[in-house]
Amino acid sequence: MKCHILMGSPRKQGNTIALTTVVMKKLEQQGIECGLTWLYDRDIRGCTACRGCQKDWSRPGCVQKDDMGTIFQEVLESDLIILALPIYSWYCTPPMKAALDRMVYAMNKYYGDEKGPALWAGKKLAVITTCGYAPEKGADLWEEGVKRYCKHSQMAYLGMLVERHKNYKQAFMDEEKTVHALAFAEKLMKELVK
């Protein structure tokens, strides 16, 4: 089994990677191979809606020559995709949005006169996020967007781990957050073997 994490945080020592690392280590302990892509380190351009990706239904191509080709391949080779990111303004960070826009068109061959396949149909997707607001008001819009994205793309949505950090004078990770992260990893493992 393979998991690929798309990391949408700009901070290499931040809250999101701290939370994600707990989940990733637990998955790896259970024999799931995990890869991680730092989206801020990649050249990811925004979708131009040229529909060039719709010309070949056999692969997730794009006319733009940037790092998305590698990301398409990493995603296609995975059983589980995790979107990990902080929430800054009720939604995802810029490189995550650019990657999601590019993938929804390149992976789903729906945008023309004929309906083609979803190249990633049946894959499983989960979210790990951090935010400053209470989760029900800080991450709810993002989660709703991801649910619709999965339904449109014929993927299974496995849920979201969200943790709040409301005091910069205290460390983010604590025992409670670690327990939540380990439980989320357990949930993901159970869903992967279904």
N, C-alpha and C. Protein backbone atom coordinates (compact mmCIF):
# COMPACT_ATOMS: atom_id res chain seq x y z
N MET A 1 0.84 -1.19 0.00
CA MET A 1 0.00 0.00 0.00
C MET A 1 0.88 1.24 0.00
N LYS A 2 0.42 2.24 -0.73
CA LYS A 2 1.17 3.49 -0.81
C LYS A 2 0.29 4.67 -0.44
N CYS A 3 0.89 5.61 0.25
CA CYS A 3 0.25 6.86 0.62
C CYS A 3 1.13 7.99 0.11
N HIS A 4 0.51 9.01 -0.46
CA HIS A 4 1.29 10.19 -0.83
C HIS A 4 0.66 11.42 -0.19
N ILE A 5 1.50 12.20 0.46
CA ILE A 5 1.05 13.40 1.17
C ILE A 5 1.44 14.62 0.37
N LEU A 6 0.47 15.43 0.02
CA LEU A 6 0.73 16.72 -0.60
C LEU A 6 0.72 17.75 0.51
N MET A 7 1.88 18.30 0.83
CA MET A 7 2.04 19.23 1.94
C MET A 7 1.91 20.66 1.44
N GLY A 8 0.86 21.33 1.89
CA GLY A 8 0.58 22.68 1.45
C GLY A 8 1.00 23.75 2.44
N SER A 9 1.90 23.43 3.35
CA SER A 9 2.39 24.42 4.31
C SER A 9 3.71 25.00 3.82
N PRO A 10 3.93 26.30 4.04
CA PRO A 10 5.23 26.88 3.71
C PRO A 10 6.26 26.68 4.81
N ARG A 11 5.83 26.21 5.97
CA ARG A 11 6.71 26.14 7.15
C ARG A 11 7.20 24.71 7.39
N LYS A 12 8.50 24.50 7.21
CA LYS A 12 9.09 23.17 7.34
C LYS A 12 9.14 22.68 8.79
N GLN A 13 9.01 23.58 9.74
CA GLN A 13 9.02 23.22 11.15
C GLN A 13 7.71 23.65 11.82
N GLY A 14 6.66 23.76 11.05
CA GLY A 14 5.41 24.30 11.56
C GLY A 14 4.47 23.26 12.16
N ASN A 15 3.28 23.73 12.48
CA ASN A 15 2.27 22.90 13.13
C ASN A 15 1.78 21.77 12.23
N THR A 16 1.59 22.07 10.96
CA THR A 16 1.02 21.06 10.06
C THR A 16 1.94 19.87 9.87
N ILE A 17 3.22 20.11 9.69
CA ILE A 17 4.15 18.99 9.52
C ILE A 17 4.30 18.22 10.84
N ALA A 18 4.22 18.92 11.97
CA ALA A 18 4.30 18.22 13.27
C ALA A 18 3.14 17.23 13.41
N LEU A 19 1.94 17.67 13.07
CA LEU A 19 0.76 16.81 13.16
C LEU A 19 0.82 15.68 12.12
N THR A 20 1.22 16.04 10.91
CA THR A 20 1.30 15.07 9.82
C THR A 20 2.33 13.99 10.10
N THR A 21 3.44 14.36 10.71
CA THR A 21 4.51 13.40 10.99
C THR A 21 4.03 12.27 11.89
N VAL A 22 3.18 12.58 12.85
CA VAL A 22 2.64 11.54 13.74
C VAL A 22 1.84 10.53 12.92
N VAL A 23 1.00 11.03 12.04
CA VAL A 23 0.18 10.15 11.20
C VAL A 23 1.07 9.34 10.26
N MET A 24 2.01 10.01 9.62
CA MET A 24 2.89 9.35 8.65
C MET A 24 3.70 8.23 9.31
N LYS A 25 4.26 8.49 10.48
CA LYS A 25 5.07 7.47 11.17
C LYS A 25 4.22 6.26 11.54
N LYS A 26 3.00 6.50 11.98
CA LYS A 26 2.10 5.39 12.34
C LYS A 26 1.77 4.55 11.10
N LEU A 27 1.49 5.20 9.98
CA LEU A 27 1.20 4.47 8.75
C LEU A 27 2.41 3.65 8.31
N GLU A 28 3.59 4.25 8.40
CA GLU A 28 4.82 3.55 8.01
C GLU A 28 5.09 2.36 8.92
N GLN A 29 4.79 2.49 10.21
CA GLN A 29 4.95 1.37 11.15
C GLN A 29 4.07 0.18 10.77
N GLN A 30 2.97 0.48 10.11
CA GLN A 30 2.04 -0.58 9.69
C GLN A 30 2.33 -1.07 8.26
N GLY A 31 3.47 -0.66 7.70
CA GLY A 31 3.90 -1.16 6.40
C GLY A 31 3.39 -0.37 5.21
N ILE A 32 2.81 0.79 5.45
CA ILE A 32 2.33 1.62 4.34
C ILE A 32 3.45 2.57 3.94
N GLU A 33 3.83 2.50 2.69
CA GLU A 33 4.90 3.36 2.17
C GLU A 33 4.35 4.78 1.99
N CYS A 34 5.01 5.74 2.61
CA CYS A 34 4.55 7.13 2.55
C CYS A 34 5.56 8.01 1.82
N GLY A 35 5.07 8.80 0.90
CA GLY A 35 5.87 9.83 0.25
C GLY A 35 5.30 11.19 0.60
N LEU A 36 6.11 12.22 0.51
CA LEU A 36 5.66 13.56 0.87
C LEU A 36 6.22 14.56 -0.13
N THR A 37 5.36 15.41 -0.66
CA THR A 37 5.76 16.47 -1.58
C THR A 37 5.45 17.82 -0.95
N TRP A 38 6.50 18.65 -0.78
CA TRP A 38 6.30 20.02 -0.29
C TRP A 38 5.91 20.88 -1.49
N LEU A 39 4.65 21.27 -1.55
CA LEU A 39 4.15 22.01 -2.71
C LEU A 39 4.81 23.37 -2.86
N TYR A 40 5.17 24.01 -1.76
CA TYR A 40 5.83 25.32 -1.86
C TYR A 40 7.21 25.23 -2.50
N ASP A 41 7.80 24.03 -2.52
CA ASP A 41 9.11 23.83 -3.13
C ASP A 41 9.02 23.51 -4.61
N ARG A 42 7.83 23.34 -5.11
CA ARG A 42 7.63 22.91 -6.50
C ARG A 42 7.17 24.06 -7.37
N ASP A 43 7.43 23.92 -8.64
CA ASP A 43 6.94 24.86 -9.65
C ASP A 43 5.57 24.37 -10.08
N ILE A 44 4.53 25.02 -9.56
CA ILE A 44 3.15 24.63 -9.86
C ILE A 44 2.42 25.88 -10.36
N ARG A 45 2.13 25.89 -11.62
CA ARG A 45 1.41 27.02 -12.20
C ARG A 45 -0.09 26.78 -12.13
N GLY A 46 -0.84 27.86 -12.18
CA GLY A 46 -2.29 27.74 -12.15
C GLY A 46 -2.84 27.21 -13.46
N CYS A 47 -3.98 26.57 -13.38
CA CYS A 47 -4.66 26.05 -14.56
C CYS A 47 -5.10 27.23 -15.43
N THR A 48 -4.95 27.07 -16.74
CA THR A 48 -5.37 28.12 -17.67
C THR A 48 -6.65 27.74 -18.41
N ALA A 49 -7.25 26.61 -18.07
CA ALA A 49 -8.50 26.13 -18.68
C ALA A 49 -8.39 26.01 -20.19
N CYS A 50 -7.22 25.61 -20.68
CA CYS A 50 -7.03 25.45 -22.13
C CYS A 50 -7.61 24.15 -22.64
N ARG A 51 -7.88 23.21 -21.77
CA ARG A 51 -8.44 21.89 -22.05
C ARG A 51 -7.49 20.98 -22.84
N GLY A 52 -6.23 21.34 -22.87
CA GLY A 52 -5.24 20.46 -23.49
C GLY A 52 -5.16 19.11 -22.80
N CYS A 53 -5.44 19.07 -21.51
CA CYS A 53 -5.39 17.83 -20.74
C CYS A 53 -6.48 16.85 -21.15
N GLN A 54 -7.49 17.32 -21.87
CA GLN A 54 -8.61 16.46 -22.24
C GLN A 54 -8.40 15.73 -23.56
N LYS A 55 -7.31 16.00 -24.23
CA LYS A 55 -7.08 15.41 -25.55
C LYS A 55 -6.67 13.94 -25.49
N ASP A 56 -6.05 13.53 -24.41
CA ASP A 56 -5.61 12.14 -24.25
C ASP A 56 -6.22 11.60 -22.97
N TRP A 57 -7.15 10.65 -23.12
CA TRP A 57 -7.85 10.10 -21.97
C TRP A 57 -7.04 9.03 -21.24
N SER A 58 -5.89 8.67 -21.73
CA SER A 58 -5.12 7.57 -21.13
C SER A 58 -4.15 8.03 -20.05
N ARG A 59 -3.94 9.34 -19.94
CA ARG A 59 -2.95 9.83 -18.98
C ARG A 59 -3.33 11.24 -18.52
N PRO A 60 -2.80 11.67 -17.37
CA PRO A 60 -3.11 13.01 -16.86
C PRO A 60 -2.16 14.08 -17.40
N GLY A 61 -2.15 14.28 -18.67
CA GLY A 61 -1.23 15.24 -19.26
C GLY A 61 -1.68 16.68 -19.10
N CYS A 62 -0.72 17.58 -19.30
CA CYS A 62 -0.99 19.02 -19.27
C CYS A 62 0.02 19.68 -20.19
N VAL A 63 -0.40 20.72 -20.88
CA VAL A 63 0.51 21.40 -21.81
C VAL A 63 1.57 22.21 -21.07
N GLN A 64 1.33 22.54 -19.81
CA GLN A 64 2.31 23.31 -19.04
C GLN A 64 3.45 22.40 -18.60
N LYS A 65 4.64 22.89 -18.73
CA LYS A 65 5.82 22.11 -18.34
C LYS A 65 6.33 22.62 -17.00
N ASP A 66 5.81 22.02 -15.94
CA ASP A 66 6.23 22.35 -14.58
C ASP A 66 6.27 21.06 -13.78
N ASP A 67 6.22 21.13 -12.47
CA ASP A 67 6.36 19.95 -11.64
C ASP A 67 5.07 19.13 -11.47
N MET A 68 3.98 19.56 -12.06
CA MET A 68 2.74 18.80 -11.89
C MET A 68 2.81 17.43 -12.54
N GLY A 69 3.59 17.26 -13.58
CA GLY A 69 3.71 15.94 -14.20
C GLY A 69 4.18 14.90 -13.19
N THR A 70 5.17 15.26 -12.38
CA THR A 70 5.67 14.36 -11.33
C THR A 70 4.60 14.12 -10.28
N ILE A 71 3.88 15.16 -9.90
CA ILE A 71 2.83 15.03 -8.89
C ILE A 71 1.70 14.14 -9.40
N PHE A 72 1.32 14.31 -10.67
CA PHE A 72 0.29 13.42 -11.24
C PHE A 72 0.70 11.96 -11.06
N GLN A 73 1.95 11.65 -11.38
CA GLN A 73 2.44 10.28 -11.30
C GLN A 73 2.46 9.77 -9.85
N GLU A 74 2.92 10.61 -8.92
CA GLU A 74 2.95 10.22 -7.50
C GLU A 74 1.55 9.90 -6.99
N VAL A 75 0.58 10.70 -7.40
CA VAL A 75 -0.81 10.50 -6.98
C VAL A 75 -1.37 9.22 -7.59
N LEU A 76 -1.12 9.00 -8.88
CA LEU A 76 -1.64 7.81 -9.54
C LEU A 76 -1.07 6.52 -8.95
N GLU A 77 0.15 6.57 -8.45
CA GLU A 77 0.79 5.39 -7.88
C GLU A 77 0.39 5.12 -6.43
N SER A 78 -0.44 5.98 -5.86
CA SER A 78 -0.83 5.88 -4.45
C SER A 78 -2.22 5.32 -4.28
N ASP A 79 -2.41 4.63 -3.17
CA ASP A 79 -3.74 4.15 -2.79
C ASP A 79 -4.48 5.21 -1.96
N LEU A 80 -3.69 5.97 -1.20
CA LEU A 80 -4.23 7.01 -0.32
C LEU A 80 -3.50 8.32 -0.60
N ILE A 81 -4.26 9.37 -0.76
CA ILE A 81 -3.73 10.72 -0.93
C ILE A 81 -4.14 11.51 0.30
N ILE A 82 -3.16 12.16 0.93
CA ILE A 82 -3.46 13.03 2.07
C ILE A 82 -3.11 14.45 1.69
N LEU A 83 -4.07 15.34 1.85
CA LEU A 83 -3.84 16.77 1.67
C LEU A 83 -3.56 17.35 3.04
N ALA A 84 -2.35 17.82 3.26
CA ALA A 84 -1.95 18.37 4.57
C ALA A 84 -1.64 19.84 4.40
N LEU A 85 -2.26 20.68 5.22
CA LEU A 85 -2.08 22.11 5.05
C LEU A 85 -2.64 22.89 6.22
N PRO A 86 -2.14 24.11 6.40
CA PRO A 86 -2.78 25.02 7.35
C PRO A 86 -3.92 25.74 6.63
N ILE A 87 -4.90 26.14 7.40
CA ILE A 87 -5.98 26.98 6.87
C ILE A 87 -5.68 28.41 7.29
N TYR A 88 -5.54 29.28 6.32
CA TYR A 88 -5.24 30.69 6.63
C TYR A 88 -6.47 31.59 6.51
N SER A 89 -7.23 31.46 5.47
CA SER A 89 -8.42 32.30 5.26
C SER A 89 -9.59 31.43 4.86
N TRP A 90 -9.91 30.46 5.69
CA TRP A 90 -11.02 29.54 5.51
C TRP A 90 -10.85 28.59 4.34
N TYR A 91 -9.69 28.59 3.72
CA TYR A 91 -9.50 27.66 2.61
C TYR A 91 -8.02 27.30 2.48
N CYS A 92 -7.69 26.61 1.44
CA CYS A 92 -6.34 26.07 1.30
C CYS A 92 -5.33 27.13 0.86
N THR A 93 -4.07 26.78 1.00
CA THR A 93 -2.97 27.66 0.62
C THR A 93 -2.82 27.69 -0.91
N PRO A 94 -2.17 28.73 -1.45
CA PRO A 94 -2.10 28.90 -2.91
C PRO A 94 -1.53 27.71 -3.69
N PRO A 95 -0.41 27.08 -3.27
CA PRO A 95 0.05 25.97 -4.10
C PRO A 95 -0.87 24.75 -4.05
N MET A 96 -1.58 24.57 -2.94
CA MET A 96 -2.54 23.47 -2.87
C MET A 96 -3.69 23.73 -3.83
N LYS A 97 -4.17 24.96 -3.87
CA LYS A 97 -5.27 25.30 -4.78
C LYS A 97 -4.85 25.10 -6.23
N ALA A 98 -3.64 25.55 -6.57
CA ALA A 98 -3.16 25.37 -7.94
C ALA A 98 -3.05 23.89 -8.29
N ALA A 99 -2.51 23.08 -7.37
CA ALA A 99 -2.38 21.64 -7.62
C ALA A 99 -3.74 20.98 -7.77
N LEU A 100 -4.69 21.32 -6.91
CA LEU A 100 -6.02 20.73 -6.99
C LEU A 100 -6.72 21.11 -8.29
N ASP A 101 -6.60 22.36 -8.70
CA ASP A 101 -7.21 22.79 -9.97
C ASP A 101 -6.62 22.01 -11.14
N ARG A 102 -5.31 21.87 -11.14
CA ARG A 102 -4.66 21.14 -12.24
C ARG A 102 -5.04 19.67 -12.23
N MET A 103 -5.11 19.06 -11.03
CA MET A 103 -5.44 17.63 -10.96
C MET A 103 -6.89 17.35 -11.34
N VAL A 104 -7.81 18.21 -10.94
CA VAL A 104 -9.22 17.91 -11.22
C VAL A 104 -9.47 17.87 -12.72
N TYR A 105 -8.76 18.68 -13.48
CA TYR A 105 -8.91 18.65 -14.93
C TYR A 105 -8.08 17.54 -15.56
N ALA A 106 -6.84 17.39 -15.15
CA ALA A 106 -5.97 16.39 -15.77
C ALA A 106 -6.38 14.96 -15.46
N MET A 107 -6.93 14.73 -14.27
CA MET A 107 -7.30 13.37 -13.86
C MET A 107 -8.73 12.99 -14.28
N ASN A 108 -9.59 13.98 -14.44
CA ASN A 108 -10.98 13.72 -14.81
C ASN A 108 -11.21 14.15 -16.25
N LYS A 109 -11.52 13.21 -17.09
CA LYS A 109 -11.68 13.50 -18.52
C LYS A 109 -13.16 13.77 -18.83
N TYR A 110 -13.69 14.81 -18.18
CA TYR A 110 -15.12 15.12 -18.28
C TYR A 110 -15.40 16.41 -19.06
N TYR A 111 -14.40 17.11 -19.47
CA TYR A 111 -14.59 18.50 -19.89
C TYR A 111 -14.55 18.66 -21.40
N GLY A 112 -15.55 18.16 -22.07
CA GLY A 112 -15.65 18.27 -23.51
C GLY A 112 -16.99 17.74 -23.95
N ASP A 113 -17.10 17.39 -25.21
CA ASP A 113 -18.36 16.89 -25.76
C ASP A 113 -18.67 15.47 -25.30
N GLU A 114 -17.63 14.70 -24.97
CA GLU A 114 -17.81 13.33 -24.53
C GLU A 114 -17.28 13.18 -23.11
N LYS A 115 -17.87 12.24 -22.36
CA LYS A 115 -17.41 12.01 -20.99
C LYS A 115 -16.44 10.84 -20.97
N GLY A 116 -15.23 11.13 -20.50
CA GLY A 116 -14.22 10.09 -20.38
C GLY A 116 -14.10 9.62 -18.94
N PRO A 117 -13.03 8.91 -18.63
CA PRO A 117 -12.86 8.33 -17.30
C PRO A 117 -12.28 9.30 -16.28
N ALA A 118 -12.45 8.94 -15.03
CA ALA A 118 -11.70 9.57 -13.94
C ALA A 118 -10.51 8.65 -13.71
N LEU A 119 -9.32 9.12 -13.99
CA LEU A 119 -8.12 8.29 -13.91
C LEU A 119 -7.79 7.87 -12.48
N TRP A 120 -8.34 8.58 -11.51
CA TRP A 120 -8.05 8.24 -10.11
C TRP A 120 -9.30 7.77 -9.38
N ALA A 121 -10.29 7.32 -10.12
CA ALA A 121 -11.51 6.77 -9.52
C ALA A 121 -11.15 5.65 -8.56
N GLY A 122 -11.78 5.65 -7.40
CA GLY A 122 -11.56 4.61 -6.42
C GLY A 122 -10.43 4.88 -5.44
N LYS A 123 -9.63 5.88 -5.71
CA LYS A 123 -8.56 6.21 -4.75
C LYS A 123 -9.20 6.81 -3.50
N LYS A 124 -8.43 6.79 -2.42
CA LYS A 124 -8.94 7.31 -1.15
C LYS A 124 -8.18 8.58 -0.80
N LEU A 125 -8.90 9.53 -0.22
CA LEU A 125 -8.32 10.82 0.09
C LEU A 125 -8.71 11.24 1.50
N ALA A 126 -7.75 11.81 2.21
CA ALA A 126 -7.98 12.31 3.57
C ALA A 126 -7.30 13.67 3.70
N VAL A 127 -7.66 14.38 4.75
CA VAL A 127 -7.14 15.72 5.00
C VAL A 127 -6.56 15.81 6.41
N ILE A 128 -5.41 16.46 6.51
CA ILE A 128 -4.83 16.85 7.80
C ILE A 128 -4.67 18.36 7.74
N THR A 129 -5.25 19.06 8.70
CA THR A 129 -5.16 20.51 8.66
C THR A 129 -5.04 21.11 10.06
N THR A 130 -4.49 22.30 10.07
CA THR A 130 -4.38 23.08 11.30
C THR A 130 -5.00 24.44 11.05
N CYS A 131 -5.54 25.03 12.10
CA CYS A 131 -6.14 26.35 11.93
C CYS A 131 -6.14 27.10 13.26
N GLY A 132 -6.39 28.39 13.18
CA GLY A 132 -6.41 29.22 14.37
C GLY A 132 -7.81 29.38 14.96
N TYR A 133 -8.82 29.19 14.13
CA TYR A 133 -10.20 29.28 14.59
C TYR A 133 -10.67 27.91 15.09
N ALA A 134 -11.79 27.90 15.78
CA ALA A 134 -12.40 26.63 16.15
C ALA A 134 -12.65 25.84 14.86
N PRO A 135 -12.35 24.55 14.83
CA PRO A 135 -12.46 23.77 13.59
C PRO A 135 -13.79 23.88 12.88
N GLU A 136 -14.88 23.94 13.64
CA GLU A 136 -16.20 24.01 13.00
C GLU A 136 -16.44 25.33 12.29
N LYS A 137 -15.59 26.32 12.56
CA LYS A 137 -15.69 27.60 11.85
C LYS A 137 -14.43 27.92 11.06
N GLY A 138 -13.36 27.17 11.30
CA GLY A 138 -12.11 27.44 10.61
C GLY A 138 -11.82 26.52 9.46
N ALA A 139 -12.31 25.28 9.53
CA ALA A 139 -11.97 24.30 8.49
C ALA A 139 -13.20 23.71 7.80
N ASP A 140 -14.39 24.14 8.17
CA ASP A 140 -15.61 23.55 7.62
C ASP A 140 -15.78 23.80 6.13
N LEU A 141 -15.47 25.00 5.67
CA LEU A 141 -15.62 25.31 4.24
C LEU A 141 -14.64 24.51 3.41
N TRP A 142 -13.41 24.39 3.90
CA TRP A 142 -12.40 23.59 3.21
C TRP A 142 -12.85 22.13 3.10
N GLU A 143 -13.35 21.58 4.20
CA GLU A 143 -13.78 20.19 4.17
C GLU A 143 -14.93 19.98 3.18
N GLU A 144 -15.86 20.91 3.16
CA GLU A 144 -16.98 20.78 2.22
C GLU A 144 -16.48 20.79 0.78
N GLY A 145 -15.52 21.67 0.49
CA GLY A 145 -14.93 21.70 -0.84
C GLY A 145 -14.26 20.39 -1.20
N VAL A 146 -13.53 19.81 -0.26
CA VAL A 146 -12.84 18.54 -0.50
C VAL A 146 -13.86 17.41 -0.73
N LYS A 147 -14.93 17.39 0.03
CA LYS A 147 -15.96 16.37 -0.16
C LYS A 147 -16.53 16.43 -1.58
N ARG A 148 -16.82 17.63 -2.04
CA ARG A 148 -17.36 17.78 -3.39
C ARG A 148 -16.33 17.39 -4.44
N TYR A 149 -15.08 17.75 -4.19
CA TYR A 149 -13.97 17.41 -5.09
C TYR A 149 -13.87 15.88 -5.23
N CYS A 150 -13.95 15.18 -4.11
CA CYS A 150 -13.87 13.71 -4.13
C CYS A 150 -15.06 13.11 -4.86
N LYS A 151 -16.25 13.59 -4.59
CA LYS A 151 -17.44 13.06 -5.26
C LYS A 151 -17.32 13.26 -6.77
N HIS A 152 -16.92 14.44 -7.19
CA HIS A 152 -16.76 14.74 -8.60
C HIS A 152 -15.70 13.85 -9.24
N SER A 153 -14.65 13.53 -8.48
CA SER A 153 -13.52 12.76 -9.00
C SER A 153 -13.65 11.26 -8.78
N GLN A 154 -14.79 10.82 -8.20
CA GLN A 154 -15.06 9.41 -7.95
C GLN A 154 -14.05 8.79 -6.97
N MET A 155 -13.62 9.59 -6.01
CA MET A 155 -12.71 9.12 -4.96
C MET A 155 -13.48 8.98 -3.65
N ALA A 156 -12.96 8.18 -2.74
CA ALA A 156 -13.57 8.01 -1.42
C ALA A 156 -12.94 9.00 -0.45
N TYR A 157 -13.77 9.81 0.18
CA TYR A 157 -13.29 10.76 1.19
C TYR A 157 -13.27 10.06 2.54
N LEU A 158 -12.10 10.02 3.18
CA LEU A 158 -11.95 9.30 4.45
C LEU A 158 -12.01 10.17 5.69
N GLY A 159 -12.12 11.48 5.52
CA GLY A 159 -12.26 12.34 6.69
C GLY A 159 -11.10 13.30 6.88
N MET A 160 -11.24 14.10 7.93
CA MET A 160 -10.29 15.18 8.19
C MET A 160 -9.85 15.15 9.65
N LEU A 161 -8.55 15.27 9.84
CA LEU A 161 -7.97 15.52 11.16
C LEU A 161 -7.67 17.01 11.20
N VAL A 162 -8.27 17.71 12.14
CA VAL A 162 -8.05 19.15 12.26
C VAL A 162 -7.72 19.48 13.71
N GLU A 163 -6.68 20.27 13.87
CA GLU A 163 -6.28 20.72 15.21
C GLU A 163 -6.08 22.22 15.20
N ARG A 164 -6.46 22.82 16.30
CA ARG A 164 -6.41 24.28 16.45
C ARG A 164 -5.19 24.69 17.28
N HIS A 165 -4.61 25.81 16.89
CA HIS A 165 -3.54 26.42 17.68
C HIS A 165 -3.95 27.86 17.96
N LYS A 166 -4.29 28.13 19.20
CA LYS A 166 -4.80 29.47 19.50
C LYS A 166 -3.88 30.29 20.39
N ASN A 167 -2.72 29.75 20.72
CA ASN A 167 -1.81 30.49 21.58
C ASN A 167 -0.37 30.23 21.15
N TYR A 168 0.23 31.20 20.49
CA TYR A 168 1.59 31.03 19.97
C TYR A 168 2.64 30.95 21.07
N LYS A 169 2.27 31.23 22.31
CA LYS A 169 3.23 31.16 23.40
C LYS A 169 3.38 29.74 23.95
N GLN A 170 2.53 28.84 23.47
CA GLN A 170 2.61 27.44 23.90
C GLN A 170 2.93 26.57 22.70
N ALA A 171 3.57 25.44 22.96
CA ALA A 171 3.87 24.49 21.89
C ALA A 171 2.56 23.98 21.28
N PHE A 172 2.59 23.73 20.00
CA PHE A 172 1.38 23.25 19.31
C PHE A 172 1.06 21.80 19.69
N MET A 173 2.04 20.92 19.50
CA MET A 173 1.79 19.51 19.76
C MET A 173 1.73 19.24 21.26
N ASP A 174 0.76 18.44 21.65
CA ASP A 174 0.64 18.00 23.03
C ASP A 174 0.10 16.57 23.02
N GLU A 175 -0.10 16.01 24.17
CA GLU A 175 -0.53 14.61 24.25
C GLU A 175 -1.89 14.39 23.58
N GLU A 176 -2.81 15.33 23.78
CA GLU A 176 -4.15 15.18 23.19
C GLU A 176 -4.09 15.18 21.66
N LYS A 177 -3.31 16.09 21.07
CA LYS A 177 -3.20 16.13 19.61
C LYS A 177 -2.53 14.87 19.09
N THR A 178 -1.55 14.37 19.81
CA THR A 178 -0.88 13.13 19.41
C THR A 178 -1.86 11.96 19.42
N VAL A 179 -2.68 11.88 20.45
CA VAL A 179 -3.70 10.82 20.54
C VAL A 179 -4.66 10.92 19.36
N HIS A 180 -5.09 12.13 19.04
CA HIS A 180 -6.01 12.32 17.90
C HIS A 180 -5.35 11.88 16.60
N ALA A 181 -4.08 12.25 16.41
CA ALA A 181 -3.36 11.91 15.18
C ALA A 181 -3.19 10.40 15.04
N LEU A 182 -2.86 9.73 16.14
CA LEU A 182 -2.71 8.28 16.09
C LEU A 182 -4.04 7.59 15.80
N ALA A 183 -5.12 8.10 16.37
CA ALA A 183 -6.44 7.53 16.10
C ALA A 183 -6.83 7.75 14.64
N PHE A 184 -6.49 8.91 14.09
CA PHE A 184 -6.79 9.18 12.69
C PHE A 184 -6.01 8.22 11.79
N ALA A 185 -4.74 7.99 12.11
CA ALA A 185 -3.93 7.04 11.33
C ALA A 185 -4.55 5.64 11.38
N GLU A 186 -5.02 5.24 12.54
CA GLU A 186 -5.67 3.92 12.69
C GLU A 186 -6.92 3.85 11.80
N LYS A 187 -7.69 4.91 11.80
CA LYS A 187 -8.89 4.97 10.97
C LYS A 187 -8.52 4.83 9.49
N LEU A 188 -7.49 5.54 9.06
CA LEU A 188 -7.06 5.46 7.67
C LEU A 188 -6.62 4.05 7.31
N MET A 189 -5.90 3.39 8.18
CA MET A 189 -5.43 2.03 7.92
C MET A 189 -6.61 1.07 7.75
N LYS A 190 -7.64 1.21 8.60
CA LYS A 190 -8.81 0.37 8.48
C LYS A 190 -9.53 0.59 7.15
N GLU A 191 -9.61 1.85 6.74
CA GLU A 191 -10.28 2.17 5.47
C GLU A 191 -9.47 1.68 4.27
N LEU A 192 -8.17 1.66 4.39
CA LEU A 192 -7.32 1.22 3.28
C LEU A 192 -7.49 -0.26 2.98
N VAL A 193 -7.76 -1.07 3.98
CA VAL A 193 -7.86 -2.51 3.76
C VAL A 193 -9.28 -2.95 3.40
N LYS A 194 -10.23 -2.04 3.37
CA LYS A 194 -11.61 -2.39 2.99
C LYS A 194 -11.69 -2.73 1.51
